[in-house]
Amino acid sequence: METVVVTGARHQLVLRVLPGFGDPLLLAVALERERANLALVLRHLDVFPAQEAA
């Protein structure tokens, strides 16, 4: 599972592939650089697939 973070002057884009029971799901999150904590978002995305699998 890969996470790609694209950063720009004002925004950050996080792309993540989530495995599913069929085709994988591509999750895209757009963040404002000044208002979002990227580390917190990435940590939450690491927890999300584990919650879905349970």
N, C-alpha and C. Protein backbone atom coordinates (compact mmCIF):
# COMPACT_ATOMS: atom_id res chain seq x y z
N MET A 1 0.85 -1.17 0.00
CA MET A 1 0.00 0.00 0.00
C MET A 1 0.89 1.23 0.00
N GLU A 2 0.68 2.11 -0.95
CA GLU A 2 1.49 3.31 -1.08
C GLU A 2 0.69 4.55 -0.81
N THR A 3 1.36 5.53 -0.28
CA THR A 3 0.78 6.85 -0.10
C THR A 3 1.65 7.84 -0.86
N VAL A 4 1.01 8.67 -1.66
CA VAL A 4 1.73 9.70 -2.41
C VAL A 4 1.25 11.05 -1.91
N VAL A 5 2.18 11.93 -1.55
CA VAL A 5 1.85 13.27 -1.10
C VAL A 5 2.44 14.26 -2.11
N VAL A 6 1.57 15.08 -2.69
CA VAL A 6 1.99 16.11 -3.63
C VAL A 6 1.80 17.44 -2.94
N THR A 7 2.86 18.22 -2.84
CA THR A 7 2.76 19.50 -2.15
C THR A 7 2.89 20.64 -3.14
N GLY A 8 2.09 21.66 -2.91
CA GLY A 8 2.14 22.88 -3.71
C GLY A 8 2.32 24.06 -2.78
N ALA A 9 2.23 25.23 -3.31
CA ALA A 9 2.42 26.44 -2.50
C ALA A 9 1.32 26.60 -1.46
N ARG A 10 0.08 26.25 -1.81
CA ARG A 10 -1.03 26.47 -0.89
C ARG A 10 -1.76 25.19 -0.48
N HIS A 11 -1.56 24.09 -1.24
CA HIS A 11 -2.31 22.87 -0.96
C HIS A 11 -1.40 21.66 -0.94
N GLN A 12 -1.87 20.60 -0.29
CA GLN A 12 -1.22 19.30 -0.32
C GLN A 12 -2.27 18.30 -0.77
N LEU A 13 -1.88 17.37 -1.61
CA LEU A 13 -2.77 16.34 -2.10
C LEU A 13 -2.21 15.00 -1.65
N VAL A 14 -3.04 14.21 -0.97
CA VAL A 14 -2.64 12.90 -0.49
C VAL A 14 -3.42 11.86 -1.29
N LEU A 15 -2.71 10.94 -1.93
CA LEU A 15 -3.32 9.84 -2.68
C LEU A 15 -2.96 8.54 -1.98
N ARG A 16 -3.96 7.71 -1.76
CA ARG A 16 -3.73 6.46 -1.05
C ARG A 16 -4.57 5.36 -1.69
N VAL A 17 -4.00 4.20 -1.91
CA VAL A 17 -4.74 3.06 -2.43
C VAL A 17 -5.17 2.21 -1.25
N LEU A 18 -6.49 2.00 -1.13
CA LEU A 18 -7.04 1.18 -0.05
C LEU A 18 -7.47 -0.16 -0.64
N PRO A 19 -6.97 -1.27 -0.09
CA PRO A 19 -7.39 -2.57 -0.61
C PRO A 19 -8.85 -2.82 -0.25
N GLY A 20 -9.53 -3.52 -1.11
CA GLY A 20 -10.93 -3.85 -0.85
C GLY A 20 -11.18 -5.32 -1.15
N PHE A 21 -12.43 -5.67 -1.12
CA PHE A 21 -12.78 -7.06 -1.42
C PHE A 21 -12.78 -7.32 -2.92
N GLY A 22 -12.91 -6.27 -3.71
CA GLY A 22 -12.84 -6.37 -5.16
C GLY A 22 -11.70 -5.52 -5.65
N ASP A 23 -12.03 -4.53 -6.44
CA ASP A 23 -11.02 -3.60 -6.93
C ASP A 23 -10.57 -2.68 -5.80
N PRO A 24 -9.29 -2.29 -5.79
CA PRO A 24 -8.83 -1.35 -4.75
C PRO A 24 -9.48 0.02 -4.93
N LEU A 25 -9.60 0.74 -3.85
CA LEU A 25 -10.20 2.07 -3.84
C LEU A 25 -9.09 3.10 -3.78
N LEU A 26 -9.18 4.12 -4.61
CA LEU A 26 -8.22 5.22 -4.58
C LEU A 26 -8.82 6.35 -3.77
N LEU A 27 -8.17 6.71 -2.70
CA LEU A 27 -8.62 7.78 -1.82
C LEU A 27 -7.77 9.01 -2.08
N ALA A 28 -8.40 10.13 -2.33
CA ALA A 28 -7.69 11.38 -2.57
C ALA A 28 -8.17 12.40 -1.55
N VAL A 29 -7.23 13.05 -0.88
CA VAL A 29 -7.55 14.06 0.12
C VAL A 29 -6.79 15.33 -0.23
N ALA A 30 -7.51 16.43 -0.33
CA ALA A 30 -6.88 17.73 -0.58
C ALA A 30 -6.86 18.52 0.72
N LEU A 31 -5.71 19.05 1.08
CA LEU A 31 -5.53 19.77 2.33
C LEU A 31 -4.98 21.16 2.09
N GLU A 32 -5.42 22.10 2.86
CA GLU A 32 -4.80 23.42 2.84
C GLU A 32 -3.56 23.35 3.74
N ARG A 33 -2.44 23.79 3.22
CA ARG A 33 -1.18 23.67 3.96
C ARG A 33 -1.21 24.36 5.31
N GLU A 34 -1.83 25.53 5.38
CA GLU A 34 -1.81 26.32 6.61
C GLU A 34 -2.81 25.82 7.65
N ARG A 35 -3.80 25.02 7.25
CA ARG A 35 -4.87 24.66 8.17
C ARG A 35 -4.89 23.19 8.54
N ALA A 36 -4.08 22.35 7.90
CA ALA A 36 -4.12 20.91 8.14
C ALA A 36 -2.78 20.40 8.66
N ASN A 37 -2.85 19.41 9.51
CA ASN A 37 -1.67 18.75 10.04
C ASN A 37 -1.44 17.48 9.22
N LEU A 38 -0.47 17.51 8.31
CA LEU A 38 -0.22 16.40 7.41
C LEU A 38 0.14 15.12 8.16
N ALA A 39 0.93 15.21 9.20
CA ALA A 39 1.32 14.03 9.97
C ALA A 39 0.10 13.35 10.60
N LEU A 40 -0.82 14.15 11.12
CA LEU A 40 -2.04 13.60 11.72
C LEU A 40 -2.91 12.93 10.66
N VAL A 41 -3.02 13.53 9.49
CA VAL A 41 -3.81 12.95 8.41
C VAL A 41 -3.21 11.61 7.98
N LEU A 42 -1.90 11.56 7.80
CA LEU A 42 -1.25 10.32 7.39
C LEU A 42 -1.40 9.23 8.44
N ARG A 43 -1.31 9.60 9.71
CA ARG A 43 -1.50 8.61 10.78
C ARG A 43 -2.93 8.07 10.76
N HIS A 44 -3.90 8.94 10.55
CA HIS A 44 -5.29 8.51 10.49
C HIS A 44 -5.51 7.59 9.29
N LEU A 45 -4.89 7.87 8.16
CA LEU A 45 -5.03 7.01 6.99
C LEU A 45 -4.40 5.64 7.23
N ASP A 46 -3.38 5.56 8.06
CA ASP A 46 -2.79 4.25 8.41
C ASP A 46 -3.73 3.44 9.28
N VAL A 47 -4.52 4.09 10.11
CA VAL A 47 -5.45 3.41 11.00
C VAL A 47 -6.72 3.00 10.25
N PHE A 48 -7.15 3.80 9.27
CA PHE A 48 -8.41 3.59 8.56
C PHE A 48 -8.54 2.19 7.95
N PRO A 49 -7.53 1.68 7.20
CA PRO A 49 -7.69 0.34 6.63
C PRO A 49 -7.81 -0.75 7.69
N ALA A 50 -7.13 -0.60 8.82
CA ALA A 50 -7.22 -1.59 9.89
C ALA A 50 -8.63 -1.62 10.48
N GLN A 51 -9.26 -0.46 10.61
CA GLN A 51 -10.64 -0.39 11.12
C GLN A 51 -11.61 -1.01 10.14
N GLU A 52 -11.40 -0.80 8.85
CA GLU A 52 -12.29 -1.35 7.83
C GLU A 52 -12.19 -2.85 7.75
N ALA A 53 -11.00 -3.40 7.98
CA ALA A 53 -10.79 -4.84 7.89
C ALA A 53 -11.40 -5.58 9.09
N ALA A 54 -11.52 -4.89 10.21
CA ALA A 54 -12.02 -5.54 11.44
C ALA A 54 -13.52 -5.73 11.42
